[in-house]
PDB file of N, CA and C in Angstrom:
ATOM      1  N   UNK A   1       0.909  -1.190  -0.092  1.00  0.00           N
ATOM      2  CA  UNK A   1       0.048   0.039  -0.134  1.00  0.00           C
ATOM      3  C   UNK A   1       0.886   1.155  -0.072  1.00  0.00           C
ATOM      4  N   UNK A   2       0.446   2.191  -0.495  1.00  0.00           N
ATOM      5  CA  UNK A   2       1.093   3.637  -0.574  1.00  0.00           C
ATOM      6  C   UNK A   2       0.207   4.445   0.516  1.00  0.00           C
ATOM      7  N   UNK A   3       1.051   5.149   1.537  1.00  0.00           N
ATOM      8  CA  UNK A   3       0.399   5.884   2.472  1.00  0.00           C
ATOM      9  C   UNK A   3       0.747   7.227   2.277  1.00  0.00           C
ATOM     10  N   UNK A   4      -0.219   8.096   2.104  1.00  0.00           N
ATOM     11  CA  UNK A   4       0.145   9.573   1.946  1.00  0.00           C
ATOM     12  C   UNK A   4      -0.439  10.414   3.090  1.00  0.00           C
ATOM     13  N   UNK A   5       0.205  11.391   3.395  1.00  0.00           N
ATOM     14  CA  UNK A   5      -0.201  12.233   4.554  1.00  0.00           C
ATOM     15  C   UNK A   5      -0.125  13.591   4.162  1.00  0.00           C
ATOM     16  N   UNK A   6      -1.131  14.465   4.308  1.00  0.00           N
ATOM     17  CA  UNK A   6      -1.106  15.878   3.811  1.00  0.00           C
ATOM     18  C   UNK A   6      -0.827  16.589   5.290  1.00  0.00           C
ATOM     19  N   UNK A   7       0.681  16.838   5.191  1.00  0.00           N
ATOM     20  CA  UNK A   7       0.941  17.531   6.530  1.00  0.00           C
ATOM     21  C   UNK A   7       0.752  18.919   6.655  1.00  0.00           C
ATOM     22  N   UNK A   8      -0.010  19.478   5.795  1.00  0.00           N
ATOM     23  CA  UNK A   8      -0.748  20.803   5.867  1.00  0.00           C
ATOM     24  C   UNK A   8      -2.013  20.567   6.621  1.00  0.00           C
ATOM     25  N   UNK A   9      -2.779  19.698   6.359  1.00  0.00           N
ATOM     26  CA  UNK A   9      -3.854  19.369   7.224  1.00  0.00           C
ATOM     27  C   UNK A   9      -3.749  18.768   8.495  1.00  0.00           C
ATOM     28  N   UNK A  10      -2.809  18.057   8.738  1.00  0.00           N
ATOM     29  CA  UNK A  10      -2.465  17.415  10.016  1.00  0.00           C
ATOM     30  C   UNK A  10      -1.241  18.369  10.418  1.00  0.00           C
ATOM     31  N   UNK A  11      -1.683  19.407  11.307  1.00  0.00           N
ATOM     32  CA  UNK A  11      -0.740  20.507  11.505  1.00  0.00           C
ATOM     33  C   UNK A  11      -0.263  20.182  12.899  1.00  0.00           C
ATOM     34  N   UNK A  12      -0.672  19.504  13.830  1.00  0.00           N
ATOM     35  CA  UNK A  12      -0.362  19.327  14.950  1.00  0.00           C
ATOM     36  C   UNK A  12      -0.385  17.875  15.557  1.00  0.00           C
ATOM     37  N   UNK A  13       0.369  16.952  14.970  1.00  0.00           N
ATOM     38  CA  UNK A  13       0.186  15.672  15.231  1.00  0.00           C
ATOM     39  C   UNK A  13       0.315  15.055  16.693  1.00  0.00           C
ATOM     40  N   UNK A  14       1.242  15.880  17.419  1.00  0.00           N
ATOM     41  CA  UNK A  14       1.534  15.723  18.686  1.00  0.00           C
ATOM     42  C   UNK A  14       0.224  15.464  19.685  1.00  0.00           C
ATOM     43  N   UNK A  15      -0.722  16.385  19.322  1.00  0.00           N
ATOM     44  CA  UNK A  15      -1.817  16.593  20.168  1.00  0.00           C
ATOM     45  C   UNK A  15      -2.947  15.692  19.636  1.00  0.00           C
ATOM     46  N   UNK A  16      -2.619  14.882  18.523  1.00  0.00           N
ATOM     47  CA  UNK A  16      -3.598  13.928  18.261  1.00  0.00           C
ATOM     48  C   UNK A  16      -3.306  12.507  18.570  1.00  0.00           C
ATOM     49  N   UNK A  17      -2.275  12.035  17.688  1.00  0.00           N
ATOM     50  CA  UNK A  17      -1.852  10.713  17.692  1.00  0.00           C
ATOM     51  C   UNK A  17      -2.714   9.590  17.420  1.00  0.00           C
ATOM     52  N   UNK A  18      -3.829   9.768  16.820  1.00  0.00           N
ATOM     53  CA  UNK A  18      -4.881   8.615  16.669  1.00  0.00           C
ATOM     54  C   UNK A  18      -4.455   7.764  15.686  1.00  0.00           C
ATOM     55  N   UNK A  19      -3.902   8.209  14.627  1.00  0.00           N
ATOM     56  CA  UNK A  19      -3.318   7.133  13.466  1.00  0.00           C
ATOM     57  C   UNK A  19      -2.230   6.341  14.160  1.00  0.00           C
ATOM     58  N   UNK A  20      -1.132   6.952  14.976  1.00  0.00           N
ATOM     59  CA  UNK A  20      -0.194   5.999  15.720  1.00  0.00           C
ATOM     60  C   UNK A  20      -0.679   4.895  16.542  1.00  0.00           C
ATOM     61  N   UNK A  21      -1.731   5.386  17.261  1.00  0.00           N
ATOM     62  CA  UNK A  21      -2.508   4.515  18.260  1.00  0.00           C
ATOM     63  C   UNK A  21      -3.295   3.586  17.540  1.00  0.00           C
ATOM     64  N   UNK A  22      -3.988   3.842  16.609  1.00  0.00           N
ATOM     65  CA  UNK A  22      -5.107   2.785  16.044  1.00  0.00           C
ATOM     66  C   UNK A  22      -4.406   2.032  15.035  1.00  0.00           C
ATOM     67  N   UNK A  23      -3.311   2.309  14.176  1.00  0.00           N
ATOM     68  CA  UNK A  23      -2.580   1.528  13.197  1.00  0.00           C
ATOM     69  C   UNK A  23      -2.246   0.180  13.893  1.00  0.00           C
ATOM     70  N   UNK A  24      -2.868  -0.803  13.524  1.00  0.00           N
ATOM     71  CA  UNK A  24      -2.433  -2.335  14.095  1.00  0.00           C
ATOM     72  C   UNK A  24      -0.980  -2.773  13.514  1.00  0.00           C
ATOM     73  N   UNK A  25      -0.476  -2.011  12.540  1.00  0.00           N
ATOM     74  CA  UNK A  25       0.897  -2.506  11.949  1.00  0.00           C
ATOM     75  C   UNK A  25       1.759  -1.590  12.360  1.00  0.00           C
ATOM     76  N   UNK A  26       1.447  -0.528  13.101  1.00  0.00           N
ATOM     77  CA  UNK A  26       2.556   0.494  13.626  1.00  0.00           C
ATOM     78  C   UNK A  26       3.171   1.078  12.390  1.00  0.00           C
ATOM     79  N   UNK A  27       2.546   1.572  11.262  1.00  0.00           N
ATOM     80  CA  UNK A  27       3.078   2.187  10.091  1.00  0.00           C
ATOM     81  C   UNK A  27       3.667   3.432  10.359  1.00  0.00           C
ATOM     82  N   UNK A  28       3.095   4.262  11.456  1.00  0.00           N
ATOM     83  CA  UNK A  28       3.536   5.735  11.369  1.00  0.00           C
ATOM     84  C   UNK A  28       4.483   6.016  12.391  1.00  0.00           C
ATOM     85  N   UNK A  29       5.095   7.184  12.220  1.00  0.00           N
ATOM     86  CA  UNK A  29       6.005   7.821  13.191  1.00  0.00           C
ATOM     87  C   UNK A  29       6.091   9.065  13.046  1.00  0.00           C
ATOM     88  N   UNK A  30       6.898   9.793  13.908  1.00  0.00           N
ATOM     89  CA  UNK A  30       6.811  11.419  14.186  1.00  0.00           C
ATOM     90  C   UNK A  30       8.340  11.679  13.969  1.00  0.00           C
ATOM     91  N   UNK A  31       8.307  12.972  13.381  1.00  0.00           N
ATOM     92  CA  UNK A  31       9.674  13.655  13.156  1.00  0.00           C
ATOM     93  C   UNK A  31       9.562  15.158  13.197  1.00  0.00           C
ATOM     94  N   UNK A  32      10.508  15.858  13.671  1.00  0.00           N
ATOM     95  CA  UNK A  32      10.419  17.328  13.589  1.00  0.00           C
ATOM     96  C   UNK A  32      10.549  17.748  12.104  1.00  0.00           C
ATOM     97  N   UNK A  33       9.582  18.637  11.678  1.00  0.00           N
ATOM     98  CA  UNK A  33       9.610  19.165  10.126  1.00  0.00           C
ATOM     99  C   UNK A  33      10.924  19.752   9.839  1.00  0.00           C
ATOM    100  N   UNK A  34      11.416  20.571  10.905  1.00  0.00           N
ATOM    101  CA  UNK A  34      12.718  21.112  10.578  1.00  0.00           C
ATOM    102  C   UNK A  34      13.754  20.830  11.585  1.00  0.00           C
ATOM    103  N   UNK A  35      15.011  20.617  11.183  1.00  0.00           N
ATOM    104  CA  UNK A  35      16.026  20.334  12.239  1.00  0.00           C
ATOM    105  C   UNK A  35      16.004  20.943  13.533  1.00  0.00           C
ATOM    106  N   UNK A  36      16.226  20.245  14.705  1.00  0.00           N
ATOM    107  CA  UNK A  36      16.018  20.908  16.053  1.00  0.00           C
ATOM    108  C   UNK A  36      17.408  21.578  16.242  1.00  0.00           C
ATOM    109  N   UNK A  37      17.404  22.634  16.866  1.00  0.00           N
ATOM    110  CA  UNK A  37      18.639  23.467  17.344  1.00  0.00           C
ATOM    111  C   UNK A  37      19.012  22.697  18.633  1.00  0.00           C
ATOM    112  N   UNK A  38      20.524  22.720  18.795  1.00  0.00           N
ATOM    113  CA  UNK A  38      21.063  22.365  19.805  1.00  0.00           C
ATOM    114  C   UNK A  38      20.411  22.962  21.242  1.00  0.00           C
ATOM    115  N   UNK A  39      20.097  22.123  22.095  1.00  0.00           N
ATOM    116  CA  UNK A  39      19.482  22.663  23.503  1.00  0.00           C
ATOM    117  C   UNK A  39      18.019  23.223  23.374  1.00  0.00           C
ATOM    118  N   UNK A  40      17.388  22.975  22.265  1.00  0.00           N
ATOM    119  CA  UNK A  40      16.132  23.372  22.158  1.00  0.00           C
ATOM    120  C   UNK A  40      15.313  22.295  21.944  1.00  0.00           C
ATOM    121  N   UNK A  41      13.903  22.392  22.315  1.00  0.00           N
ATOM    122  CA  UNK A  41      13.051  21.366  21.871  1.00  0.00           C
ATOM    123  C   UNK A  41      12.317  21.563  20.407  1.00  0.00           C
ATOM    124  N   UNK A  42      12.312  20.402  19.843  1.00  0.00           N
ATOM    125  CA  UNK A  42      11.717  20.719  18.524  1.00  0.00           C
ATOM    126  C   UNK A  42      10.242  21.160  18.503  1.00  0.00           C
ATOM    127  N   UNK A  43       9.809  22.078  17.709  1.00  0.00           N
ATOM    128  CA  UNK A  43       8.491  22.638  17.974  1.00  0.00           C
ATOM    129  C   UNK A  43       7.388  22.044  16.763  1.00  0.00           C
ATOM    130  N   UNK A  44       7.834  22.139  15.511  1.00  0.00           N
ATOM    131  CA  UNK A  44       7.069  21.677  14.573  1.00  0.00           C
ATOM    132  C   UNK A  44       7.132  20.247  14.047  1.00  0.00           C
ATOM    133  N   UNK A  45       6.218  19.310  14.335  1.00  0.00           N
ATOM    134  CA  UNK A  45       6.326  17.966  14.103  1.00  0.00           C
ATOM    135  C   UNK A  45       5.386  17.491  12.897  1.00  0.00           C
ATOM    136  N   UNK A  46       5.768  16.463  12.177  1.00  0.00           N
ATOM    137  CA  UNK A  46       4.933  15.851  11.122  1.00  0.00           C
ATOM    138  C   UNK A  46       4.810  14.327  11.519  1.00  0.00           C
ATOM    139  N   UNK A  47       3.806  13.755  10.971  1.00  0.00           N
ATOM    140  CA  UNK A  47       3.508  12.234  11.057  1.00  0.00           C
ATOM    141  C   UNK A  47       3.962  11.858   9.639  1.00  0.00           C
ATOM    142  N   UNK A  48       4.813  10.618   9.663  1.00  0.00           N
ATOM    143  CA  UNK A  48       5.061   9.983   8.199  1.00  0.00           C
ATOM    144  C   UNK A  48       4.790   8.570   8.270  1.00  0.00           C
ATOM    145  N   UNK A  49       4.713   7.885   7.074  1.00  0.00           N
ATOM    146  CA  UNK A  49       4.661   6.506   7.198  1.00  0.00           C
ATOM    147  C   UNK A  49       6.138   5.997   7.187  1.00  0.00           C
ATOM    148  N   UNK A  50       6.554   5.504   8.264  1.00  0.00           N
ATOM    149  CA  UNK A  50       7.950   4.858   8.565  1.00  0.00           C
ATOM    150  C   UNK A  50       7.863   3.530   7.772  1.00  0.00           C
ATOM    151  N   UNK A  51       6.942   2.744   8.008  1.00  0.00           N
ATOM    152  CA  UNK A  51       6.835   1.429   7.434  1.00  0.00           C
ATOM    153  C   UNK A  51       5.758   1.178   6.689  1.00  0.00           C
ATOM    154  N   UNK A  52       5.548   2.053   5.513  1.00  0.00           N
ATOM    155  CA  UNK A  52       4.474   1.773   4.568  1.00  0.00           C
ATOM    156  C   UNK A  52       4.370   0.489   4.116  1.00  0.00           C
ATOM    157  N   UNK A  53       5.498  -0.043   3.792  1.00  0.00           N
ATOM    158  CA  UNK A  53       5.392  -1.708   3.230  1.00  0.00           C
ATOM    159  C   UNK A  53       4.679  -2.611   4.245  1.00  0.00           C
ATOM    160  N   UNK A  54       4.425  -2.135   5.532  1.00  0.00           N
ATOM    161  CA  UNK A  54       3.637  -3.022   6.483  1.00  0.00           C
ATOM    162  C   UNK A  54       2.301  -2.775   6.407  1.00  0.00           C
ATOM    163  N   UNK A  55       1.904  -1.749   5.656  1.00  0.00           N
ATOM    164  CA  UNK A  55       0.411  -1.426   5.593  1.00  0.00           C
ATOM    165  C   UNK A  55      -0.536  -2.593   5.001  1.00  0.00           C
ATOM    166  N   UNK A  56      -1.583  -2.939   5.620  1.00  0.00           N
ATOM    167  CA  UNK A  56      -2.404  -3.946   5.209  1.00  0.00           C
ATOM    168  C   UNK A  56      -3.595  -3.470   4.575  1.00  0.00           C
ATOM    169  N   UNK A  57      -3.866  -2.137   4.543  1.00  0.00           N
ATOM    170  CA  UNK A  57      -4.982  -1.463   4.031  1.00  0.00           C
ATOM    171  C   UNK A  57      -6.326  -1.548   4.949  1.00  0.00           C
ATOM    172  N   UNK A  58      -6.022  -1.664   6.049  1.00  0.00           N
ATOM    173  CA  UNK A  58      -7.221  -1.941   7.058  1.00  0.00           C
ATOM    174  C   UNK A  58      -8.116  -0.609   7.192  1.00  0.00           C
ATOM    175  N   UNK A  59      -7.491   0.666   6.923  1.00  0.00           N
ATOM    176  CA  UNK A  59      -8.017   1.954   6.907  1.00  0.00           C
ATOM    177  C   UNK A  59      -8.316   2.441   8.166  1.00  0.00           C
ATOM    178  N   UNK A  60      -7.918   1.736   9.283  1.00  0.00           N
ATOM    179  CA  UNK A  60      -8.107   2.310  10.623  1.00  0.00           C
ATOM    180  C   UNK A  60      -7.635   3.836  10.892  1.00  0.00           C
ATOM    181  N   UNK A  61      -6.559   4.104  10.116  1.00  0.00           N
ATOM    182  CA  UNK A  61      -5.974   5.469  10.255  1.00  0.00           C
ATOM    183  C   UNK A  61      -6.630   6.558   9.673  1.00  0.00           C
ATOM    184  N   UNK A  62      -7.550   6.085   8.587  1.00  0.00           N
ATOM    185  CA  UNK A  62      -8.300   6.995   7.712  1.00  0.00           C
ATOM    186  C   UNK A  62      -9.687   7.136   8.703  1.00  0.00           C
ATOM    187  N   UNK A  63     -10.190   6.038   9.058  1.00  0.00           N
ATOM    188  CA  UNK A  63     -11.478   6.041   9.754  1.00  0.00           C
ATOM    189  C   UNK A  63     -11.227   6.833  11.216  1.00  0.00           C
ATOM    190  N   UNK A  64     -10.058   6.974  11.865  1.00  0.00           N
ATOM    191  CA  UNK A  64      -9.946   7.719  13.064  1.00  0.00           C
ATOM    192  C   UNK A  64      -9.343   9.171  13.000  1.00  0.00           C
ATOM    193  N   UNK A  65      -8.914   9.385  11.811  1.00  0.00           N
ATOM    194  CA  UNK A  65      -8.160  10.743  11.503  1.00  0.00           C
ATOM    195  C   UNK A  65      -9.224  11.770  11.619  1.00  0.00           C
ATOM    196  N   UNK A  66      -9.156  12.742  12.687  1.00  0.00           N
ATOM    197  CA  UNK A  66     -10.221  13.656  12.592  1.00  0.00           C
ATOM    198  C   UNK A  66     -10.220  14.808  11.557  1.00  0.00           C
ATOM    199  N   UNK A  67      -8.987  14.830  11.047  1.00  0.00           N
ATOM    200  CA  UNK A  67      -8.802  15.852   9.828  1.00  0.00           C
ATOM    201  C   UNK A  67      -8.833  15.365   8.439  1.00  0.00           C
ATOM    202  N   UNK A  68      -9.016  13.995   8.344  1.00  0.00           N
ATOM    203  CA  UNK A  68      -9.059  13.460   7.125  1.00  0.00           C
ATOM    204  C   UNK A  68      -7.669  13.795   6.227  1.00  0.00           C
ATOM    205  N   UNK A  69      -6.611  13.600   6.870  1.00  0.00           N
ATOM    206  CA  UNK A  69      -5.355  13.933   6.291  1.00  0.00           C
ATOM    207  C   UNK A  69      -4.553  12.663   5.663  1.00  0.00           C
ATOM    208  N   UNK A  70      -5.077  11.517   5.884  1.00  0.00           N
ATOM    209  CA  UNK A  70      -4.363  10.306   5.483  1.00  0.00           C
ATOM    210  C   UNK A  70      -5.130   9.569   4.160  1.00  0.00           C
ATOM    211  N   UNK A  71      -4.315   9.169   3.176  1.00  0.00           N
ATOM    212  CA  UNK A  71      -4.901   8.701   1.959  1.00  0.00           C
ATOM    213  C   UNK A  71      -4.149   7.171   1.876  1.00  0.00           C
ATOM    214  N   UNK A  72      -4.877   6.238   1.649  1.00  0.00           N
ATOM    215  CA  UNK A  72      -4.201   4.821   1.606  1.00  0.00           C
ATOM    216  C   UNK A  72      -4.491   4.472   0.129  1.00  0.00           C
ATOM    217  N   UNK A  73      -3.448   4.261  -0.901  1.00  0.00           N
ATOM    218  CA  UNK A  73      -3.808   3.658  -2.049  1.00  0.00           C
ATOM    219  C   UNK A  73      -3.170   2.326  -2.355  1.00  0.00           C
ATOM    220  N   UNK A  74      -3.544   1.527  -3.067  1.00  0.00           N
ATOM    221  CA  UNK A  74      -2.963   0.330  -3.421  1.00  0.00           C
ATOM    222  C   UNK A  74      -1.702   0.646  -4.238  1.00  0.00           C
ATOM    223  N   UNK A  75      -0.678  -0.232  -4.111  1.00  0.00           N
ATOM    224  CA  UNK A  75       0.609   0.000  -4.671  1.00  0.00           C
ATOM    225  C   UNK A  75       0.370  -0.412  -6.119  1.00  0.00           C
ATOM    226  N   UNK A  76       0.620   0.610  -7.092  1.00  0.00           N
ATOM    227  CA  UNK A  76       0.557   0.181  -8.282  1.00  0.00           C
ATOM    228  C   UNK A  76       1.545  -0.795  -8.904  1.00  0.00           C
ATOM    229  N   UNK A  77       1.071  -1.736  -9.976  1.00  0.00           N
ATOM    230  CA  UNK A  77       2.056  -2.617 -10.560  1.00  0.00           C
ATOM    231  C   UNK A  77       3.368  -1.990 -10.917  1.00  0.00           C
ATOM    232  N   UNK A  78       3.229  -0.996 -11.389  1.00  0.00           N
ATOM    233  CA  UNK A  78       4.551  -0.214 -11.951  1.00  0.00           C
ATOM    234  C   UNK A  78       5.543  -0.097 -10.734  1.00  0.00           C
ATOM    235  N   UNK A  79       5.152   0.215  -9.620  1.00  0.00           N
ATOM    236  CA  UNK A  79       5.916   0.543  -8.621  1.00  0.00           C
ATOM    237  C   UNK A  79       6.446  -0.689  -8.000  1.00  0.00           C
ATOM    238  N   UNK A  80       5.581  -1.965  -8.104  1.00  0.00           N
ATOM    239  CA  UNK A  80       5.925  -3.159  -7.599  1.00  0.00           C
ATOM    240  C   UNK A  80       7.025  -3.723  -8.649  1.00  0.00           C
ATOM    241  N   UNK A  81       6.763  -3.669  -9.866  1.00  0.00           N
ATOM    242  CA  UNK A  81       7.803  -4.060 -10.960  1.00  0.00           C
ATOM    243  C   UNK A  81       9.080  -3.049 -10.644  1.00  0.00           C
ATOM    244  N   UNK A  82       9.120  -2.014 -10.471  1.00  0.00           N
ATOM    245  CA  UNK A  82      10.358  -1.116 -10.443  1.00  0.00           C
ATOM    246  C   UNK A  82      11.100  -1.645  -9.124  1.00  0.00           C
ATOM    247  N   UNK A  83      10.299  -1.838  -8.099  1.00  0.00           N
ATOM    248  CA  UNK A  83      11.102  -2.471  -6.940  1.00  0.00           C
ATOM    249  C   UNK A  83      11.554  -3.679  -7.141  1.00  0.00           C
ATOM    250  N   UNK A  84      11.143  -4.548  -7.876  1.00  0.00           N
ATOM    251  CA  UNK A  84      11.511  -6.124  -8.160  1.00  0.00           C
ATOM    252  C   UNK A  84      12.739  -5.981  -9.138  1.00  0.00           C
ATOM    253  N   UNK A  85      12.678  -5.083 -10.129  1.00  0.00           N
ATOM    254  CA  UNK A  85      13.882  -4.818 -11.010  1.00  0.00           C
ATOM    255  C   UNK A  85      15.085  -4.318 -10.235  1.00  0.00           C
ATOM    256  N   UNK A  86      14.801  -3.304  -9.177  1.00  0.00           N
ATOM    257  CA  UNK A  86      15.749  -2.825  -8.439  1.00  0.00           C
ATOM    258  C   UNK A  86      16.555  -3.945  -7.639  1.00  0.00           C
ATOM    259  N   UNK A  87      15.596  -4.959  -7.099  1.00  0.00           N
ATOM    260  CA  UNK A  87      16.206  -5.859  -6.373  1.00  0.00           C
ATOM    261  C   UNK A  87      16.993  -6.859  -7.123  1.00  0.00           C
ATOM    262  N   UNK A  88      16.513  -7.241  -8.186  1.00  0.00           N
ATOM    263  CA  UNK A  88      17.177  -8.035  -9.309  1.00  0.00           C
ATOM    264  C   UNK A  88      18.627  -7.606  -9.542  1.00  0.00           C
ATOM    265  N   UNK A  89      18.660  -6.221  -9.985  1.00  0.00           N
ATOM    266  CA  UNK A  89      19.900  -5.301 -10.242  1.00  0.00           C
ATOM    267  C   UNK A  89      20.913  -5.554  -9.136  1.00  0.00           C
ATOM    268  N   UNK A  90      20.463  -5.315  -7.774  1.00  0.00           N
ATOM    269  CA  UNK A  90      21.385  -5.332  -6.625  1.00  0.00           C
ATOM    270  C   UNK A  90      21.912  -6.860  -6.505  1.00  0.00           C
ATOM    271  N   UNK A  91      21.104  -7.755  -6.584  1.00  0.00           N
ATOM    272  CA  UNK A  91      21.558  -9.293  -6.692  1.00  0.00           C
ATOM    273  C   UNK A  91      22.565  -9.526  -7.745  1.00  0.00           C
ATOM    274  N   UNK A  92      22.234  -9.055  -8.742  1.00  0.00           N
ATOM    275  CA  UNK A  92      23.163  -9.399  -9.941  1.00  0.00           C
ATOM    276  C   UNK A  92      24.512  -8.730 -10.055  1.00  0.00           C
ATOM    277  N   UNK A  93      24.449  -7.451  -9.505  1.00  0.00           N
ATOM    278  CA  UNK A  93      25.611  -6.629  -9.621  1.00  0.00           C
ATOM    279  C   UNK A  93      26.099  -6.065  -8.235  1.00  0.00           C
ATOM    280  N   UNK A  94      25.432  -6.532  -7.208  1.00  0.00           N
ATOM    281  CA  UNK A  94      25.936  -6.210  -5.931  1.00  0.00           C
ATOM    282  C   UNK A  94      25.833  -4.775  -5.368  1.00  0.00           C
ATOM    283  N   UNK A  95      25.519  -3.950  -6.352  1.00  0.00           N
ATOM    284  CA  UNK A  95      25.328  -2.455  -5.957  1.00  0.00           C
ATOM    285  C   UNK A  95      24.550  -1.863  -7.065  1.00  0.00           C
ATOM    286  N   UNK A  96      24.227  -0.602  -6.825  1.00  0.00           N
ATOM    287  CA  UNK A  96      23.406   0.167  -7.505  1.00  0.00           C
ATOM    288  C   UNK A  96      24.416   0.630  -8.973  1.00  0.00           C
ATOM    289  N   UNK A  97      23.975   0.530 -10.199  1.00  0.00           N
ATOM    290  CA  UNK A  97      24.721   0.674 -11.460  1.00  0.00           C
ATOM    291  C   UNK A  97      24.277   1.966 -11.877  1.00  0.00           C
ATOM    292  N   UNK A  98      25.035   2.414 -13.010  1.00  0.00           N
ATOM    293  CA  UNK A  98      24.683   3.590 -13.750  1.00  0.00           C
ATOM    294  C   UNK A  98      23.466   3.666 -14.422  1.00  0.00           C
ATOM    295  N   UNK A  99      23.010   2.528 -14.788  1.00  0.00           N
ATOM    296  CA  UNK A  99      21.528   2.405 -15.486  1.00  0.00           C
ATOM    297  C   UNK A  99      20.643   2.220 -14.312  1.00  0.00           C
ATOM    298  N   UNK A 100      19.898   3.043 -14.039  1.00  0.00           N
ATOM    299  CA  UNK A 100      18.781   2.876 -12.946  1.00  0.00           C
ATOM    300  C   UNK A 100      17.402   3.491 -13.392  1.00  0.00           C
ATOM    301  N   UNK A 101      16.473   2.946 -12.875  1.00  0.00           N
ATOM    302  CA  UNK A 101      14.893   3.437 -13.137  1.00  0.00           C
ATOM    303  C   UNK A 101      14.761   4.599 -12.304  1.00  0.00           C
ATOM    304  N   UNK A 102      13.922   5.651 -12.735  1.00  0.00           N
ATOM    305  CA  UNK A 102      13.619   6.535 -11.766  1.00  0.00           C
ATOM    306  C   UNK A 102      12.122   6.846 -12.019  1.00  0.00           C
TER     307      UNK A 102
END
């Protein structure tokens, strides 16, 4: 599954946390939107899909998001094929080569 989050709509995830709590696969994580200054607390946080490949498509996150900031899409065949080709390339050549798919 492909998990998309509208970070403009989900403006204060630390006060909500519903997607993090409700997701049975623990797909989501938080991080500061901008780098933290030494000795200061980070202020501007965002939620992002840390483990999107673990998403089963149960849609719990969408159901409980009060701002409707989350979209879950089935992974396209093109993306699956691209991931498979990248894996085959790494197995065959042991590293990324000059010819890559973007």
